Amino acid sequence: MTKEEVLEKMEEEKESVKSKILYGQSSNSSANGCGWCFDVINHAIDLVEQLDEPKKVIIPQFVADRIEEAKEHYGSEIDPLKIVYWAGSHIIDSDSHYEWLENIHNQELLFNAIANGYEVEN
């Protein structure tokens, strides 16, 4: 679930609680509880908005091409490990491409690119 999806769900819940308070859909005894809940939801929304999003990594064009090919091959339900396997087994264009994938730092970049998104280096 993305940060935006969490915020959307929390806003929906906040509106639901707000309606209960404003339109008397709760008894007087539980109205105070709804008010407290409203404050808690607002505080939670503030905290979620402060969360850092994972930064997109920068990868070479040939790696981005392999990731996109893997997505086409495996369909919309993407298992990151399958994409890593696909990308690794299809990076045979040149020795330099193979060497790129042999580097442990680059393997981490590849996995991070699949998990959090990526930008292509210029």
N, C-alpha and C. Protein backbone atom coordinates (compact mmCIF):
# COMPACT_ATOMS: atom_id res chain seq x y z
N MET A 1 0.85 -1.16 0.00
CA MET A 1 0.00 0.00 0.00
C MET A 1 0.91 1.24 0.00
N THR A 2 0.58 2.20 -0.84
CA THR A 2 1.39 3.41 -0.92
C THR A 2 0.97 4.42 0.14
N LYS A 3 1.82 5.39 0.32
CA LYS A 3 1.53 6.47 1.27
C LYS A 3 0.23 7.17 0.88
N GLU A 4 0.03 7.40 -0.41
CA GLU A 4 -1.18 8.07 -0.88
C GLU A 4 -2.43 7.24 -0.58
N GLU A 5 -2.34 5.93 -0.75
CA GLU A 5 -3.48 5.07 -0.45
C GLU A 5 -3.82 5.09 1.03
N VAL A 6 -2.80 5.10 1.88
CA VAL A 6 -3.04 5.16 3.33
C VAL A 6 -3.72 6.48 3.67
N LEU A 7 -3.21 7.57 3.12
CA LEU A 7 -3.82 8.87 3.39
C LEU A 7 -5.26 8.92 2.91
N GLU A 8 -5.52 8.35 1.76
CA GLU A 8 -6.89 8.34 1.22
C GLU A 8 -7.82 7.58 2.16
N LYS A 9 -7.41 6.41 2.62
CA LYS A 9 -8.25 5.62 3.54
C LYS A 9 -8.46 6.35 4.86
N MET A 10 -7.42 7.01 5.34
CA MET A 10 -7.55 7.74 6.60
C MET A 10 -8.49 8.93 6.45
N GLU A 11 -8.43 9.61 5.32
CA GLU A 11 -9.34 10.73 5.06
C GLU A 11 -10.78 10.24 5.00
N GLU A 12 -10.99 9.06 4.38
CA GLU A 12 -12.34 8.48 4.32
C GLU A 12 -12.86 8.18 5.72
N GLU A 13 -12.00 7.62 6.55
CA GLU A 13 -12.40 7.30 7.93
C GLU A 13 -12.70 8.58 8.70
N LYS A 14 -11.88 9.59 8.49
CA LYS A 14 -12.09 10.87 9.17
C LYS A 14 -13.45 11.46 8.78
N GLU A 15 -13.79 11.37 7.51
CA GLU A 15 -15.08 11.90 7.06
C GLU A 15 -16.24 11.10 7.65
N SER A 16 -16.05 9.79 7.80
CA SER A 16 -17.08 8.95 8.40
C SER A 16 -17.31 9.35 9.85
N VAL A 17 -16.22 9.53 10.59
CA VAL A 17 -16.34 9.93 12.00
C VAL A 17 -16.95 11.32 12.09
N LYS A 18 -16.53 12.21 11.22
CA LYS A 18 -17.06 13.58 11.20
C LYS A 18 -18.58 13.56 10.97
N SER A 19 -19.04 12.71 10.05
CA SER A 19 -20.48 12.60 9.78
C SER A 19 -21.22 12.11 11.01
N LYS A 20 -20.67 11.13 11.69
CA LYS A 20 -21.31 10.61 12.90
C LYS A 20 -21.45 11.70 13.96
N ILE A 21 -20.42 12.53 14.09
CA ILE A 21 -20.47 13.60 15.08
C ILE A 21 -21.46 14.68 14.65
N LEU A 22 -21.38 15.11 13.40
CA LEU A 22 -22.21 16.23 12.93
C LEU A 22 -23.68 15.89 12.80
N TYR A 23 -23.96 14.68 12.37
CA TYR A 23 -25.34 14.32 12.08
C TYR A 23 -25.97 13.44 13.15
N GLY A 24 -25.34 13.38 14.29
CA GLY A 24 -25.92 12.70 15.44
C GLY A 24 -26.15 11.22 15.24
N GLN A 25 -25.31 10.58 14.43
CA GLN A 25 -25.48 9.14 14.20
C GLN A 25 -24.93 8.32 15.35
N SER A 26 -24.41 8.99 16.34
CA SER A 26 -23.93 8.27 17.52
C SER A 26 -24.61 8.89 18.73
N SER A 27 -24.73 8.13 19.76
CA SER A 27 -25.37 8.64 20.98
C SER A 27 -24.47 9.68 21.62
N ASN A 28 -25.04 10.48 22.51
CA ASN A 28 -24.25 11.51 23.18
C ASN A 28 -23.07 10.92 23.92
N SER A 29 -23.26 9.75 24.50
CA SER A 29 -22.17 9.14 25.27
C SER A 29 -21.01 8.72 24.36
N SER A 30 -21.33 8.33 23.12
CA SER A 30 -20.24 7.92 22.24
C SER A 30 -19.75 9.08 21.37
N ALA A 31 -20.44 10.21 21.39
CA ALA A 31 -20.00 11.36 20.60
C ALA A 31 -18.63 11.83 21.07
N ASN A 32 -18.41 11.83 22.39
CA ASN A 32 -17.09 12.21 22.89
C ASN A 32 -16.02 11.26 22.39
N GLY A 33 -16.34 9.99 22.33
CA GLY A 33 -15.41 9.00 21.80
C GLY A 33 -15.13 9.24 20.33
N CYS A 34 -16.15 9.63 19.58
CA CYS A 34 -15.96 9.93 18.16
C CYS A 34 -15.09 11.16 17.98
N GLY A 35 -15.29 12.15 18.87
CA GLY A 35 -14.45 13.35 18.82
C GLY A 35 -12.99 13.02 19.07
N TRP A 36 -12.76 12.17 20.05
CA TRP A 36 -11.40 11.72 20.36
C TRP A 36 -10.82 10.96 19.16
N CYS A 37 -11.65 10.11 18.56
CA CYS A 37 -11.22 9.33 17.40
C CYS A 37 -10.84 10.27 16.24
N PHE A 38 -11.63 11.31 16.05
CA PHE A 38 -11.38 12.30 15.00
C PHE A 38 -10.00 12.94 15.21
N ASP A 39 -9.69 13.29 16.46
CA ASP A 39 -8.38 13.88 16.77
C ASP A 39 -7.25 12.89 16.51
N VAL A 40 -7.46 11.64 16.86
CA VAL A 40 -6.44 10.61 16.64
C VAL A 40 -6.19 10.42 15.15
N ILE A 41 -7.27 10.39 14.37
CA ILE A 41 -7.11 10.23 12.91
C ILE A 41 -6.34 11.42 12.34
N ASN A 42 -6.66 12.63 12.76
CA ASN A 42 -5.92 13.81 12.28
C ASN A 42 -4.44 13.71 12.63
N HIS A 43 -4.15 13.27 13.84
CA HIS A 43 -2.74 13.11 14.25
C HIS A 43 -2.05 12.04 13.40
N ALA A 44 -2.74 10.94 13.15
CA ALA A 44 -2.16 9.87 12.33
C ALA A 44 -1.90 10.36 10.91
N ILE A 45 -2.82 11.14 10.37
CA ILE A 45 -2.62 11.70 9.02
C ILE A 45 -1.38 12.58 9.00
N ASP A 46 -1.21 13.40 10.02
CA ASP A 46 -0.02 14.25 10.11
C ASP A 46 1.26 13.41 10.12
N LEU A 47 1.25 12.31 10.86
CA LEU A 47 2.42 11.43 10.92
C LEU A 47 2.70 10.76 9.58
N VAL A 48 1.67 10.27 8.92
CA VAL A 48 1.86 9.61 7.62
C VAL A 48 2.43 10.59 6.60
N GLU A 49 1.96 11.83 6.64
CA GLU A 49 2.46 12.84 5.71
C GLU A 49 3.94 13.12 5.91
N GLN A 50 4.46 12.83 7.09
CA GLN A 50 5.88 13.06 7.38
C GLN A 50 6.77 11.90 6.95
N LEU A 51 6.17 10.77 6.58
CA LEU A 51 6.96 9.61 6.17
C LEU A 51 7.79 9.92 4.93
N ASP A 52 8.99 9.40 4.92
CA ASP A 52 9.84 9.53 3.74
C ASP A 52 9.47 8.44 2.74
N GLU A 53 9.40 8.84 1.50
CA GLU A 53 9.18 7.87 0.42
C GLU A 53 10.54 7.31 0.02
N PRO A 54 10.60 6.04 -0.36
CA PRO A 54 11.87 5.52 -0.85
C PRO A 54 12.28 6.28 -2.12
N LYS A 55 13.54 6.57 -2.21
CA LYS A 55 14.04 7.30 -3.38
C LYS A 55 14.24 6.32 -4.53
N LYS A 56 13.93 6.81 -5.73
CA LYS A 56 14.15 5.99 -6.92
C LYS A 56 15.65 5.94 -7.20
N VAL A 57 16.11 4.76 -7.57
CA VAL A 57 17.53 4.61 -7.90
C VAL A 57 17.74 4.93 -9.37
N ILE A 58 18.97 5.15 -9.72
CA ILE A 58 19.33 5.44 -11.11
C ILE A 58 20.06 4.23 -11.66
N ILE A 59 19.55 3.71 -12.78
CA ILE A 59 20.12 2.52 -13.39
C ILE A 59 20.39 2.78 -14.87
N PRO A 60 21.28 1.96 -15.47
CA PRO A 60 21.55 2.10 -16.91
C PRO A 60 20.33 1.71 -17.75
N GLN A 61 20.29 2.22 -18.96
CA GLN A 61 19.18 1.95 -19.86
C GLN A 61 19.01 0.45 -20.12
N PHE A 62 20.10 -0.29 -20.28
CA PHE A 62 19.96 -1.72 -20.59
C PHE A 62 19.30 -2.48 -19.45
N VAL A 63 19.51 -2.03 -18.21
CA VAL A 63 18.87 -2.68 -17.07
C VAL A 63 17.38 -2.34 -17.05
N ALA A 64 17.06 -1.08 -17.31
CA ALA A 64 15.65 -0.66 -17.38
C ALA A 64 14.93 -1.45 -18.47
N ASP A 65 15.60 -1.66 -19.59
CA ASP A 65 15.00 -2.45 -20.68
C ASP A 65 14.68 -3.87 -20.22
N ARG A 66 15.61 -4.48 -19.46
CA ARG A 66 15.39 -5.85 -18.99
C ARG A 66 14.25 -5.90 -17.97
N ILE A 67 14.15 -4.90 -17.12
CA ILE A 67 13.06 -4.86 -16.15
C ILE A 67 11.72 -4.79 -16.88
N GLU A 68 11.63 -3.94 -17.88
CA GLU A 68 10.38 -3.79 -18.63
C GLU A 68 10.05 -5.07 -19.41
N GLU A 69 11.06 -5.72 -19.98
CA GLU A 69 10.83 -6.99 -20.66
C GLU A 69 10.30 -8.04 -19.69
N ALA A 70 10.86 -8.07 -18.50
CA ALA A 70 10.42 -9.04 -17.49
C ALA A 70 8.98 -8.77 -17.10
N LYS A 71 8.61 -7.50 -16.96
CA LYS A 71 7.23 -7.16 -16.63
C LYS A 71 6.28 -7.64 -17.72
N GLU A 72 6.69 -7.46 -18.98
CA GLU A 72 5.87 -7.94 -20.10
C GLU A 72 5.76 -9.47 -20.07
N HIS A 73 6.86 -10.13 -19.77
CA HIS A 73 6.89 -11.59 -19.77
C HIS A 73 6.05 -12.18 -18.64
N TYR A 74 6.15 -11.60 -17.44
CA TYR A 74 5.47 -12.17 -16.27
C TYR A 74 4.08 -11.61 -16.03
N GLY A 75 3.70 -10.54 -16.71
CA GLY A 75 2.36 -9.99 -16.53
C GLY A 75 2.30 -8.99 -15.40
N SER A 76 1.06 -8.63 -15.04
CA SER A 76 0.86 -7.55 -14.08
C SER A 76 1.20 -7.94 -12.65
N GLU A 77 1.05 -9.22 -12.29
CA GLU A 77 1.41 -9.67 -10.94
C GLU A 77 2.90 -9.97 -10.93
N ILE A 78 3.67 -9.02 -10.46
CA ILE A 78 5.11 -9.10 -10.59
C ILE A 78 5.76 -9.49 -9.28
N ASP A 79 6.52 -10.55 -9.33
CA ASP A 79 7.33 -10.97 -8.20
C ASP A 79 8.73 -10.41 -8.43
N PRO A 80 9.22 -9.54 -7.55
CA PRO A 80 10.53 -8.93 -7.77
C PRO A 80 11.65 -9.94 -8.02
N LEU A 81 11.58 -11.09 -7.35
CA LEU A 81 12.63 -12.09 -7.55
C LEU A 81 12.61 -12.66 -8.96
N LYS A 82 11.42 -12.80 -9.55
CA LYS A 82 11.35 -13.26 -10.94
C LYS A 82 11.97 -12.24 -11.88
N ILE A 83 11.74 -10.96 -11.59
CA ILE A 83 12.31 -9.93 -12.45
C ILE A 83 13.83 -9.92 -12.31
N VAL A 84 14.33 -10.09 -11.09
CA VAL A 84 15.78 -10.16 -10.89
C VAL A 84 16.34 -11.34 -11.67
N TYR A 85 15.66 -12.48 -11.59
CA TYR A 85 16.10 -13.66 -12.34
C TYR A 85 16.09 -13.36 -13.84
N TRP A 86 14.98 -12.80 -14.32
CA TRP A 86 14.86 -12.50 -15.75
C TRP A 86 15.96 -11.54 -16.19
N ALA A 87 16.11 -10.46 -15.45
CA ALA A 87 17.11 -9.46 -15.82
C ALA A 87 18.51 -10.07 -15.81
N GLY A 88 18.79 -10.86 -14.79
CA GLY A 88 20.11 -11.47 -14.70
C GLY A 88 20.38 -12.46 -15.81
N SER A 89 19.38 -13.24 -16.17
CA SER A 89 19.59 -14.26 -17.19
C SER A 89 19.54 -13.69 -18.61
N HIS A 90 19.06 -12.45 -18.77
CA HIS A 90 18.98 -11.86 -20.09
C HIS A 90 19.96 -10.71 -20.30
N ILE A 91 20.84 -10.49 -19.34
CA ILE A 91 21.88 -9.49 -19.54
C ILE A 91 23.10 -10.22 -20.08
N ILE A 92 23.06 -10.46 -21.36
CA ILE A 92 24.16 -11.15 -22.03
C ILE A 92 24.60 -10.35 -23.27
N ASP A 93 24.16 -9.09 -23.33
CA ASP A 93 24.46 -8.28 -24.49
C ASP A 93 25.96 -8.04 -24.65
N SER A 94 26.65 -7.90 -23.56
CA SER A 94 28.08 -7.64 -23.63
C SER A 94 28.73 -8.02 -22.31
N ASP A 95 30.04 -8.10 -22.33
CA ASP A 95 30.78 -8.40 -21.10
C ASP A 95 30.56 -7.31 -20.05
N SER A 96 30.47 -6.05 -20.50
CA SER A 96 30.30 -4.96 -19.53
C SER A 96 28.94 -5.06 -18.85
N HIS A 97 27.92 -5.52 -19.57
CA HIS A 97 26.60 -5.68 -18.95
C HIS A 97 26.65 -6.81 -17.93
N TYR A 98 27.32 -7.88 -18.24
CA TYR A 98 27.45 -8.99 -17.31
C TYR A 98 28.23 -8.55 -16.07
N GLU A 99 29.30 -7.81 -16.29
CA GLU A 99 30.11 -7.30 -15.17
C GLU A 99 29.29 -6.38 -14.29
N TRP A 100 28.39 -5.59 -14.89
CA TRP A 100 27.54 -4.69 -14.11
C TRP A 100 26.72 -5.51 -13.13
N LEU A 101 26.15 -6.59 -13.58
CA LEU A 101 25.29 -7.40 -12.72
C LEU A 101 26.08 -8.22 -11.71
N GLU A 102 27.32 -8.52 -11.99
CA GLU A 102 28.15 -9.27 -11.03
C GLU A 102 28.44 -8.46 -9.77
N ASN A 103 28.45 -7.16 -9.88
CA ASN A 103 28.76 -6.28 -8.75
C ASN A 103 27.62 -6.33 -7.75
N ILE A 104 27.91 -6.61 -6.47
CA ILE A 104 26.88 -6.75 -5.45
C ILE A 104 26.11 -5.45 -5.26
N HIS A 105 26.78 -4.31 -5.36
CA HIS A 105 26.11 -3.02 -5.24
C HIS A 105 25.07 -2.86 -6.36
N ASN A 106 25.43 -3.27 -7.55
CA ASN A 106 24.50 -3.17 -8.68
C ASN A 106 23.33 -4.14 -8.53
N GLN A 107 23.58 -5.30 -7.93
CA GLN A 107 22.48 -6.23 -7.66
C GLN A 107 21.48 -5.59 -6.69
N GLU A 108 22.01 -4.89 -5.69
CA GLU A 108 21.14 -4.17 -4.76
C GLU A 108 20.36 -3.07 -5.48
N LEU A 109 21.02 -2.35 -6.39
CA LEU A 109 20.35 -1.32 -7.18
C LEU A 109 19.21 -1.93 -8.00
N LEU A 110 19.47 -3.07 -8.62
CA LEU A 110 18.46 -3.73 -9.43
C LEU A 110 17.24 -4.09 -8.59
N PHE A 111 17.47 -4.69 -7.44
CA PHE A 111 16.35 -5.08 -6.59
C PHE A 111 15.60 -3.84 -6.08
N ASN A 112 16.33 -2.81 -5.70
CA ASN A 112 15.72 -1.57 -5.24
C ASN A 112 14.92 -0.91 -6.37
N ALA A 113 15.44 -0.96 -7.58
CA ALA A 113 14.74 -0.38 -8.74
C ALA A 113 13.41 -1.08 -8.95
N ILE A 114 13.41 -2.39 -8.80
CA ILE A 114 12.18 -3.16 -8.99
C ILE A 114 11.19 -2.86 -7.87
N ALA A 115 11.69 -2.76 -6.65
CA ALA A 115 10.81 -2.56 -5.50
C ALA A 115 10.29 -1.13 -5.38
N ASN A 116 11.13 -0.13 -5.67
CA ASN A 116 10.78 1.26 -5.38
C ASN A 116 10.72 2.17 -6.58
N GLY A 117 10.97 1.63 -7.76
CA GLY A 117 10.97 2.46 -8.95
C GLY A 117 12.38 2.92 -9.28
N TYR A 118 12.54 3.45 -10.48
CA TYR A 118 13.87 3.84 -10.93
C TYR A 118 13.80 4.96 -11.95
N GLU A 119 14.95 5.57 -12.16
CA GLU A 119 15.15 6.52 -13.23
C GLU A 119 16.31 5.99 -14.05
N VAL A 120 16.32 6.33 -15.33
CA VAL A 120 17.39 5.87 -16.21
C VAL A 120 18.47 6.93 -16.26
N GLU A 121 19.72 6.47 -16.08
CA GLU A 121 20.84 7.42 -16.11
C GLU A 121 21.00 8.02 -17.50
N ASN A 122 21.49 9.25 -17.51
CA ASN A 122 21.68 9.95 -18.80
C ASN A 122 22.97 9.56 -19.44
